[in-house]
Amino acid sequence: MTTVVAVLVSGFVSLTLTPMMCSRFIRSEHGKKHGRLYDAFERFFDGMRGVYDRSLQTVMRHRLATLNVSLAVLVATLACLL
């Protein structure tokens, strides 16, 4: 019962209070000047987002192969557990 209530409260908070708190605390960084370290991290994160985007597009183009690989990993995991 405790777990059920905790999950329900967590869902309520994530769907109602979190967006409201974000709107109060997060400010736009557009047009603000930053240092070299910040810019280096931003380039790194932009590169990571690009890699993620390309990999997601590849997976979406090959849905059946992705499903087959996922099922094979599931079967291999279950075989190792038994």
PDB file of N, CA and C in Angstrom:
ATOM      1  N   MET A   1       0.822  -1.186   0.000  1.00  0.00           N
ATOM      2  CA  MET A   1       0.000   0.000   0.000  1.00  0.00           C
ATOM      3  C   MET A   1       0.873   1.258   0.000  1.00  0.00           C
ATOM      4  N   THR A   2       1.963   1.205   0.748  1.00  0.00           N
ATOM      5  CA  THR A   2       2.868   2.368   0.828  1.00  0.00           C
ATOM      6  C   THR A   2       3.461   2.683  -0.536  1.00  0.00           C
ATOM      7  N   THR A   3       3.853   1.638  -1.261  1.00  0.00           N
ATOM      8  CA  THR A   3       4.439   1.832  -2.588  1.00  0.00           C
ATOM      9  C   THR A   3       3.430   2.440  -3.546  1.00  0.00           C
ATOM     10  N   VAL A   4       2.201   1.982  -3.485  1.00  0.00           N
ATOM     11  CA  VAL A   4       1.147   2.511  -4.361  1.00  0.00           C
ATOM     12  C   VAL A   4       0.922   3.991  -4.087  1.00  0.00           C
ATOM     13  N   VAL A   5       0.841   4.356  -2.826  1.00  0.00           N
ATOM     14  CA  VAL A   5       0.629   5.765  -2.469  1.00  0.00           C
ATOM     15  C   VAL A   5       1.828   6.608  -2.897  1.00  0.00           C
ATOM     16  N   ALA A   6       3.046   6.080  -2.699  1.00  0.00           N
ATOM     17  CA  ALA A   6       4.242   6.818  -3.098  1.00  0.00           C
ATOM     18  C   ALA A   6       4.272   7.049  -4.600  1.00  0.00           C
ATOM     19  N   VAL A   7       3.894   6.047  -5.387  1.00  0.00           N
ATOM     20  CA  VAL A   7       3.860   6.199  -6.842  1.00  0.00           C
ATOM     21  C   VAL A   7       2.796   7.211  -7.253  1.00  0.00           C
ATOM     22  N   LEU A   8       1.635   7.177  -6.620  1.00  0.00           N
ATOM     23  CA  LEU A   8       0.570   8.129  -6.951  1.00  0.00           C
ATOM     24  C   LEU A   8       0.984   9.565  -6.601  1.00  0.00           C
ATOM     25  N   VAL A   9       1.599   9.750  -5.445  1.00  0.00           N
ATOM     26  CA  VAL A   9       2.055  11.092  -5.052  1.00  0.00           C
ATOM     27  C   VAL A   9       3.136  11.575  -6.004  1.00  0.00           C
ATOM     28  N   SER A  10       4.064  10.690  -6.352  1.00  0.00           N
ATOM     29  CA  SER A  10       5.126  11.049  -7.289  1.00  0.00           C
ATOM     30  C   SER A  10       4.546  11.453  -8.644  1.00  0.00           C
ATOM     31  N   GLY A  11       3.575  10.717  -9.130  1.00  0.00           N
ATOM     32  CA  GLY A  11       2.926  11.060 -10.395  1.00  0.00           C
ATOM     33  C   GLY A  11       2.231  12.401 -10.329  1.00  0.00           C
ATOM     34  N   PHE A  12       1.544  12.651  -9.225  1.00  0.00           N
ATOM     35  CA  PHE A  12       0.870  13.935  -9.044  1.00  0.00           C
ATOM     36  C   PHE A  12       1.867  15.092  -9.068  1.00  0.00           C
ATOM     37  N   VAL A  13       2.967  14.938  -8.326  1.00  0.00           N
ATOM     38  CA  VAL A  13       3.980  15.989  -8.261  1.00  0.00           C
ATOM     39  C   VAL A  13       4.606  16.217  -9.630  1.00  0.00           C
ATOM     40  N   SER A  14       4.937  15.131 -10.326  1.00  0.00           N
ATOM     41  CA  SER A  14       5.613  15.288 -11.618  1.00  0.00           C
ATOM     42  C   SER A  14       4.701  15.895 -12.682  1.00  0.00           C
ATOM     43  N   LEU A  15       3.412  15.696 -12.574  1.00  0.00           N
ATOM     44  CA  LEU A  15       2.497  16.228 -13.583  1.00  0.00           C
ATOM     45  C   LEU A  15       1.944  17.612 -13.250  1.00  0.00           C
ATOM     46  N   THR A  16       2.027  18.017 -11.990  1.00  0.00           N
ATOM     47  CA  THR A  16       1.431  19.304 -11.620  1.00  0.00           C
ATOM     48  C   THR A  16       2.446  20.285 -11.059  1.00  0.00           C
ATOM     49  N   LEU A  17       3.137  19.910 -10.014  1.00  0.00           N
ATOM     50  CA  LEU A  17       4.005  20.856  -9.325  1.00  0.00           C
ATOM     51  C   LEU A  17       5.327  21.102 -10.038  1.00  0.00           C
ATOM     52  N   THR A  18       5.923  20.075 -10.622  1.00  0.00           N
ATOM     53  CA  THR A  18       7.224  20.235 -11.269  1.00  0.00           C
ATOM     54  C   THR A  18       7.190  21.248 -12.413  1.00  0.00           C
ATOM     55  N   PRO A  19       6.226  21.194 -13.339  1.00  0.00           N
ATOM     56  CA  PRO A  19       6.198  22.218 -14.398  1.00  0.00           C
ATOM     57  C   PRO A  19       6.031  23.633 -13.845  1.00  0.00           C
ATOM     58  N   MET A  20       5.247  23.777 -12.787  1.00  0.00           N
ATOM     59  CA  MET A  20       5.047  25.094 -12.193  1.00  0.00           C
ATOM     60  C   MET A  20       6.350  25.599 -11.582  1.00  0.00           C
ATOM     61  N   MET A  21       7.065  24.723 -10.871  1.00  0.00           N
ATOM     62  CA  MET A  21       8.331  25.136 -10.261  1.00  0.00           C
ATOM     63  C   MET A  21       9.365  25.481 -11.339  1.00  0.00           C
ATOM     64  N   CYS A  22       9.389  24.718 -12.416  1.00  0.00           N
ATOM     65  CA  CYS A  22      10.325  25.005 -13.508  1.00  0.00           C
ATOM     66  C   CYS A  22      10.046  26.377 -14.115  1.00  0.00           C
ATOM     67  N   SER A  23       8.788  26.710 -14.274  1.00  0.00           N
ATOM     68  CA  SER A  23       8.453  28.008 -14.857  1.00  0.00           C
ATOM     69  C   SER A  23       8.904  29.158 -13.957  1.00  0.00           C
ATOM     70  N   ARG A  24       9.037  28.913 -12.659  1.00  0.00           N
ATOM     71  CA  ARG A  24       9.457  29.960 -11.730  1.00  0.00           C
ATOM     72  C   ARG A  24      10.975  30.066 -11.626  1.00  0.00           C
ATOM     73  N   PHE A  25      11.700  28.943 -11.785  1.00  0.00           N
ATOM     74  CA  PHE A  25      13.136  28.935 -11.527  1.00  0.00           C
ATOM     75  C   PHE A  25      13.993  29.014 -12.783  1.00  0.00           C
ATOM     76  N   ILE A  26      13.519  28.477 -13.889  1.00  0.00           N
ATOM     77  CA  ILE A  26      14.335  28.433 -15.103  1.00  0.00           C
ATOM     78  C   ILE A  26      14.137  29.728 -15.888  1.00  0.00           C
ATOM     79  N   ARG A  27      15.236  30.374 -16.190  1.00  0.00           N
ATOM     80  CA  ARG A  27      15.204  31.622 -16.948  1.00  0.00           C
ATOM     81  C   ARG A  27      15.884  31.409 -18.293  1.00  0.00           C
ATOM     82  N   SER A  28      15.513  32.204 -19.261  1.00  0.00           N
ATOM     83  CA  SER A  28      16.085  32.099 -20.599  1.00  0.00           C
ATOM     84  C   SER A  28      17.552  32.521 -20.584  1.00  0.00           C
ATOM     85  N   GLU A  29      18.391  31.751 -21.265  1.00  0.00           N
ATOM     86  CA  GLU A  29      19.815  32.059 -21.389  1.00  0.00           C
ATOM     87  C   GLU A  29      20.118  32.689 -22.741  1.00  0.00           C
ATOM     88  N   HIS A  30      19.103  32.962 -23.535  1.00  0.00           N
ATOM     89  CA  HIS A  30      19.287  33.487 -24.885  1.00  0.00           C
ATOM     90  C   HIS A  30      19.931  34.872 -24.835  1.00  0.00           C
ATOM     91  N   GLY A  31      21.016  35.037 -25.588  1.00  0.00           N
ATOM     92  CA  GLY A  31      21.682  36.318 -25.687  1.00  0.00           C
ATOM     93  C   GLY A  31      22.660  36.612 -24.559  1.00  0.00           C
ATOM     94  N   LYS A  32      22.795  35.723 -23.610  1.00  0.00           N
ATOM     95  CA  LYS A  32      23.698  35.931 -22.489  1.00  0.00           C
ATOM     96  C   LYS A  32      25.100  35.448 -22.862  1.00  0.00           C
ATOM     97  N   LYS A  33      26.125  36.203 -22.489  1.00  0.00           N
ATOM     98  CA  LYS A  33      27.517  35.850 -22.785  1.00  0.00           C
ATOM     99  C   LYS A  33      28.044  34.900 -21.712  1.00  0.00           C
ATOM    100  N   HIS A  34      28.808  33.894 -22.179  1.00  0.00           N
ATOM    101  CA  HIS A  34      29.376  32.911 -21.266  1.00  0.00           C
ATOM    102  C   HIS A  34      30.870  32.772 -21.535  1.00  0.00           C
ATOM    103  N   GLY A  35      31.542  32.081 -20.633  1.00  0.00           N
ATOM    104  CA  GLY A  35      32.978  31.867 -20.756  1.00  0.00           C
ATOM    105  C   GLY A  35      33.316  30.715 -21.688  1.00  0.00           C
ATOM    106  N   ARG A  36      34.623  30.491 -21.858  1.00  0.00           N
ATOM    107  CA  ARG A  36      35.096  29.443 -22.763  1.00  0.00           C
ATOM    108  C   ARG A  36      34.724  28.054 -22.282  1.00  0.00           C
ATOM    109  N   LEU A  37      34.779  27.811 -20.978  1.00  0.00           N
ATOM    110  CA  LEU A  37      34.440  26.491 -20.449  1.00  0.00           C
ATOM    111  C   LEU A  37      32.973  26.165 -20.713  1.00  0.00           C
ATOM    112  N   TYR A  38      32.106  27.130 -20.459  1.00  0.00           N
ATOM    113  CA  TYR A  38      30.685  26.952 -20.724  1.00  0.00           C
ATOM    114  C   TYR A  38      30.456  26.651 -22.201  1.00  0.00           C
ATOM    115  N   ASP A  39      31.101  27.419 -23.078  1.00  0.00           N
ATOM    116  CA  ASP A  39      30.949  27.213 -24.518  1.00  0.00           C
ATOM    117  C   ASP A  39      31.461  25.842 -24.941  1.00  0.00           C
ATOM    118  N   ALA A  40      32.565  25.375 -24.317  1.00  0.00           N
ATOM    119  CA  ALA A  40      33.095  24.051 -24.640  1.00  0.00           C
ATOM    120  C   ALA A  40      32.096  22.958 -24.246  1.00  0.00           C
ATOM    121  N   PHE A  41      31.513  23.092 -23.063  1.00  0.00           N
ATOM    122  CA  PHE A  41      30.512  22.114 -22.634  1.00  0.00           C
ATOM    123  C   PHE A  41      29.281  22.152 -23.539  1.00  0.00           C
ATOM    124  N   GLU A  42      28.871  23.328 -23.943  1.00  0.00           N
ATOM    125  CA  GLU A  42      27.717  23.446 -24.840  1.00  0.00           C
ATOM    126  C   GLU A  42      27.984  22.748 -26.178  1.00  0.00           C
ATOM    127  N   ARG A  43      29.197  22.921 -26.722  1.00  0.00           N
ATOM    128  CA  ARG A  43      29.550  22.228 -27.967  1.00  0.00           C
ATOM    129  C   ARG A  43      29.522  20.722 -27.763  1.00  0.00           C
ATOM    130  N   PHE A  44      30.052  20.259 -26.612  1.00  0.00           N
ATOM    131  CA  PHE A  44      30.039  18.831 -26.299  1.00  0.00           C
ATOM    132  C   PHE A  44      28.605  18.309 -26.231  1.00  0.00           C
ATOM    133  N   PHE A  45      27.732  19.008 -25.492  1.00  0.00           N
ATOM    134  CA  PHE A  45      26.347  18.570 -25.353  1.00  0.00           C
ATOM    135  C   PHE A  45      25.602  18.632 -26.678  1.00  0.00           C
ATOM    136  N   ASP A  46      25.887  19.642 -27.498  1.00  0.00           N
ATOM    137  CA  ASP A  46      25.278  19.709 -28.830  1.00  0.00           C
ATOM    138  C   ASP A  46      25.719  18.528 -29.680  1.00  0.00           C
ATOM    139  N   GLY A  47      26.994  18.148 -29.576  1.00  0.00           N
ATOM    140  CA  GLY A  47      27.488  16.982 -30.300  1.00  0.00           C
ATOM    141  C   GLY A  47      26.815  15.700 -29.829  1.00  0.00           C
ATOM    142  N   MET A  48      26.659  15.563 -28.512  1.00  0.00           N
ATOM    143  CA  MET A  48      25.989  14.379 -27.958  1.00  0.00           C
ATOM    144  C   MET A  48      24.532  14.317 -28.430  1.00  0.00           C
ATOM    145  N   ARG A  49      23.870  15.475 -28.474  1.00  0.00           N
ATOM    146  CA  ARG A  49      22.489  15.502 -28.952  1.00  0.00           C
ATOM    147  C   ARG A  49      22.421  15.104 -30.422  1.00  0.00           C
ATOM    148  N   GLY A  50      23.417  15.521 -31.211  1.00  0.00           N
ATOM    149  CA  GLY A  50      23.469  15.136 -32.613  1.00  0.00           C
ATOM    150  C   GLY A  50      23.660  13.632 -32.785  1.00  0.00           C
ATOM    151  N   VAL A  51      24.546  13.040 -31.978  1.00  0.00           N
ATOM    152  CA  VAL A  51      24.756  11.584 -32.024  1.00  0.00           C
ATOM    153  C   VAL A  51      23.469  10.860 -31.649  1.00  0.00           C
ATOM    154  N   TYR A  52      22.799  11.328 -30.595  1.00  0.00           N
ATOM    155  CA  TYR A  52      21.539  10.723 -30.177  1.00  0.00           C
ATOM    156  C   TYR A  52      20.486  10.841 -31.275  1.00  0.00           C
ATOM    157  N   ASP A  53      20.408  12.005 -31.904  1.00  0.00           N
ATOM    158  CA  ASP A  53      19.435  12.222 -32.964  1.00  0.00           C
ATOM    159  C   ASP A  53      19.673  11.275 -34.134  1.00  0.00           C
ATOM    160  N   ARG A  54      20.937  11.159 -34.559  1.00  0.00           N
ATOM    161  CA  ARG A  54      21.242  10.256 -35.674  1.00  0.00           C
ATOM    162  C   ARG A  54      20.977   8.804 -35.318  1.00  0.00           C
ATOM    163  N   SER A  55      21.322   8.392 -34.089  1.00  0.00           N
ATOM    164  CA  SER A  55      21.083   6.999 -33.697  1.00  0.00           C
ATOM    165  C   SER A  55      19.587   6.714 -33.595  1.00  0.00           C
ATOM    166  N   LEU A  56      18.820   7.666 -33.103  1.00  0.00           N
ATOM    167  CA  LEU A  56      17.371   7.483 -33.012  1.00  0.00           C
ATOM    168  C   LEU A  56      16.743   7.394 -34.404  1.00  0.00           C
ATOM    169  N   GLN A  57      17.208   8.208 -35.338  1.00  0.00           N
ATOM    170  CA  GLN A  57      16.699   8.127 -36.703  1.00  0.00           C
ATOM    171  C   GLN A  57      17.030   6.772 -37.331  1.00  0.00           C
ATOM    172  N   THR A  58      18.235   6.261 -37.058  1.00  0.00           N
ATOM    173  CA  THR A  58      18.619   4.954 -37.582  1.00  0.00           C
ATOM    174  C   THR A  58      17.730   3.856 -37.005  1.00  0.00           C
ATOM    175  N   VAL A  59      17.500   3.903 -35.707  1.00  0.00           N
ATOM    176  CA  VAL A  59      16.647   2.902 -35.066  1.00  0.00           C
ATOM    177  C   VAL A  59      15.230   2.965 -35.627  1.00  0.00           C
ATOM    178  N   MET A  60      14.721   4.153 -35.846  1.00  0.00           N
ATOM    179  CA  MET A  60      13.357   4.287 -36.364  1.00  0.00           C
ATOM    180  C   MET A  60      13.244   3.819 -37.815  1.00  0.00           C
ATOM    181  N   ARG A  61      14.336   3.904 -38.572  1.00  0.00           N
ATOM    182  CA  ARG A  61      14.317   3.379 -39.941  1.00  0.00           C
ATOM    183  C   ARG A  61      14.362   1.858 -39.963  1.00  0.00           C
ATOM    184  N   HIS A  62      14.920   1.252 -38.915  1.00  0.00           N
ATOM    185  CA  HIS A  62      15.092  -0.206 -38.866  1.00  0.00           C
ATOM    186  C   HIS A  62      14.354  -0.774 -37.653  1.00  0.00           C
ATOM    187  N   ARG A  63      13.067  -0.540 -37.597  1.00  0.00           N
ATOM    188  CA  ARG A  63      12.274  -0.929 -36.433  1.00  0.00           C
ATOM    189  C   ARG A  63      12.245  -2.437 -36.221  1.00  0.00           C
ATOM    190  N   LEU A  64      12.073  -3.189 -37.274  1.00  0.00           N
ATOM    191  CA  LEU A  64      11.985  -4.653 -37.127  1.00  0.00           C
ATOM    192  C   LEU A  64      13.304  -5.225 -36.621  1.00  0.00           C
ATOM    193  N   ALA A  65      14.419  -4.754 -37.156  1.00  0.00           N
ATOM    194  CA  ALA A  65      15.729  -5.218 -36.681  1.00  0.00           C
ATOM    195  C   ALA A  65      15.934  -4.844 -35.217  1.00  0.00           C
ATOM    196  N   THR A  66      15.510  -3.643 -34.825  1.00  0.00           N
ATOM    197  CA  THR A  66      15.631  -3.212 -33.441  1.00  0.00           C
ATOM    198  C   THR A  66      14.803  -4.102 -32.522  1.00  0.00           C
ATOM    199  N   LEU A  67      13.595  -4.434 -32.946  1.00  0.00           N
ATOM    200  CA  LEU A  67      12.746  -5.322 -32.164  1.00  0.00           C
ATOM    201  C   LEU A  67      13.387  -6.696 -32.028  1.00  0.00           C
ATOM    202  N   ASN A  68      13.946  -7.208 -33.110  1.00  0.00           N
ATOM    203  CA  ASN A  68      14.582  -8.523 -33.059  1.00  0.00           C
ATOM    204  C   ASN A  68      15.795  -8.527 -32.133  1.00  0.00           C
ATOM    205  N   VAL A  69      16.595  -7.500 -32.187  1.00  0.00           N
ATOM    206  CA  VAL A  69      17.761  -7.415 -31.300  1.00  0.00           C
ATOM    207  C   VAL A  69      17.305  -7.320 -29.846  1.00  0.00           C
ATOM    208  N   SER A  70      16.281  -6.539 -29.576  1.00  0.00           N
ATOM    209  CA  SER A  70      15.763  -6.408 -28.215  1.00  0.00           C
ATOM    210  C   SER A  70      15.243  -7.738 -27.694  1.00  0.00           C
ATOM    211  N   LEU A  71      14.531  -8.464 -28.535  1.00  0.00           N
ATOM    212  CA  LEU A  71      14.034  -9.784 -28.122  1.00  0.00           C
ATOM    213  C   LEU A  71      15.177 -10.761 -27.896  1.00  0.00           C
ATOM    214  N   ALA A  72      16.200 -10.701 -28.725  1.00  0.00           N
ATOM    215  CA  ALA A  72      17.360 -11.581 -28.551  1.00  0.00           C
ATOM    216  C   ALA A  72      18.075 -11.289 -27.231  1.00  0.00           C
ATOM    217  N   VAL A  73      18.200 -10.013 -26.885  1.00  0.00           N
ATOM    218  CA  VAL A  73      18.828  -9.645 -25.612  1.00  0.00           C
ATOM    219  C   VAL A  73      17.977 -10.138 -24.449  1.00  0.00           C
ATOM    220  N   LEU A  74      16.668 -10.008 -24.560  1.00  0.00           N
ATOM    221  CA  LEU A  74      15.763 -10.497 -23.521  1.00  0.00           C
ATOM    222  C   LEU A  74      15.907 -12.007 -23.330  1.00  0.00           C
ATOM    223  N   VAL A  75      15.914 -12.740 -24.442  1.00  0.00           N
ATOM    224  CA  VAL A  75      16.051 -14.206 -24.372  1.00  0.00           C
ATOM    225  C   VAL A  75      17.400 -14.585 -23.771  1.00  0.00           C
ATOM    226  N   ALA A  76      18.472 -13.912 -24.183  1.00  0.00           N
ATOM    227  CA  ALA A  76      19.803 -14.198 -23.650  1.00  0.00           C
ATOM    228  C   ALA A  76      19.854 -13.893 -22.148  1.00  0.00           C
ATOM    229  N   THR A  77      19.226 -12.832 -21.722  1.00  0.00           N
ATOM    230  CA  THR A  77      19.208 -12.487 -20.306  1.00  0.00           C
ATOM    231  C   THR A  77      18.466 -13.548 -19.502  1.00  0.00           C
ATOM    232  N   LEU A  78      17.306 -13.976 -20.011  1.00  0.00           N
ATOM    233  CA  LEU A  78      16.547 -15.012 -19.316  1.00  0.00           C
ATOM    234  C   LEU A  78      17.307 -16.333 -19.294  1.00  0.00           C
ATOM    235  N   ALA A  79      18.020 -16.647 -20.375  1.00  0.00           N
ATOM    236  CA  ALA A  79      18.799 -17.884 -20.422  1.00  0.00           C
ATOM    237  C   ALA A  79      19.934 -17.854 -19.404  1.00  0.00           C
ATOM    238  N   CYS A  80      20.527 -16.688 -19.199  1.00  0.00           N
ATOM    239  CA  CYS A  80      21.621 -16.574 -18.207  1.00  0.00           C
ATOM    240  C   CYS A  80      21.100 -16.683 -16.786  1.00  0.00           C
ATOM    241  N   LEU A  81      19.883 -16.258 -16.559  1.00  0.00           N
ATOM    242  CA  LEU A  81      19.313 -16.311 -15.225  1.00  0.00           C
ATOM    243  C   LEU A  81      18.910 -17.726 -14.835  1.00  0.00           C
ATOM    244  N   LEU A  82      18.598 -18.546 -15.802  1.00  0.00           N
ATOM    245  CA  LEU A  82      18.142 -19.913 -15.505  1.00  0.00           C
ATOM    246  C   LEU A  82      19.231 -20.868 -15.430  1.00  0.00           C
TER     247      LEU A  82
END
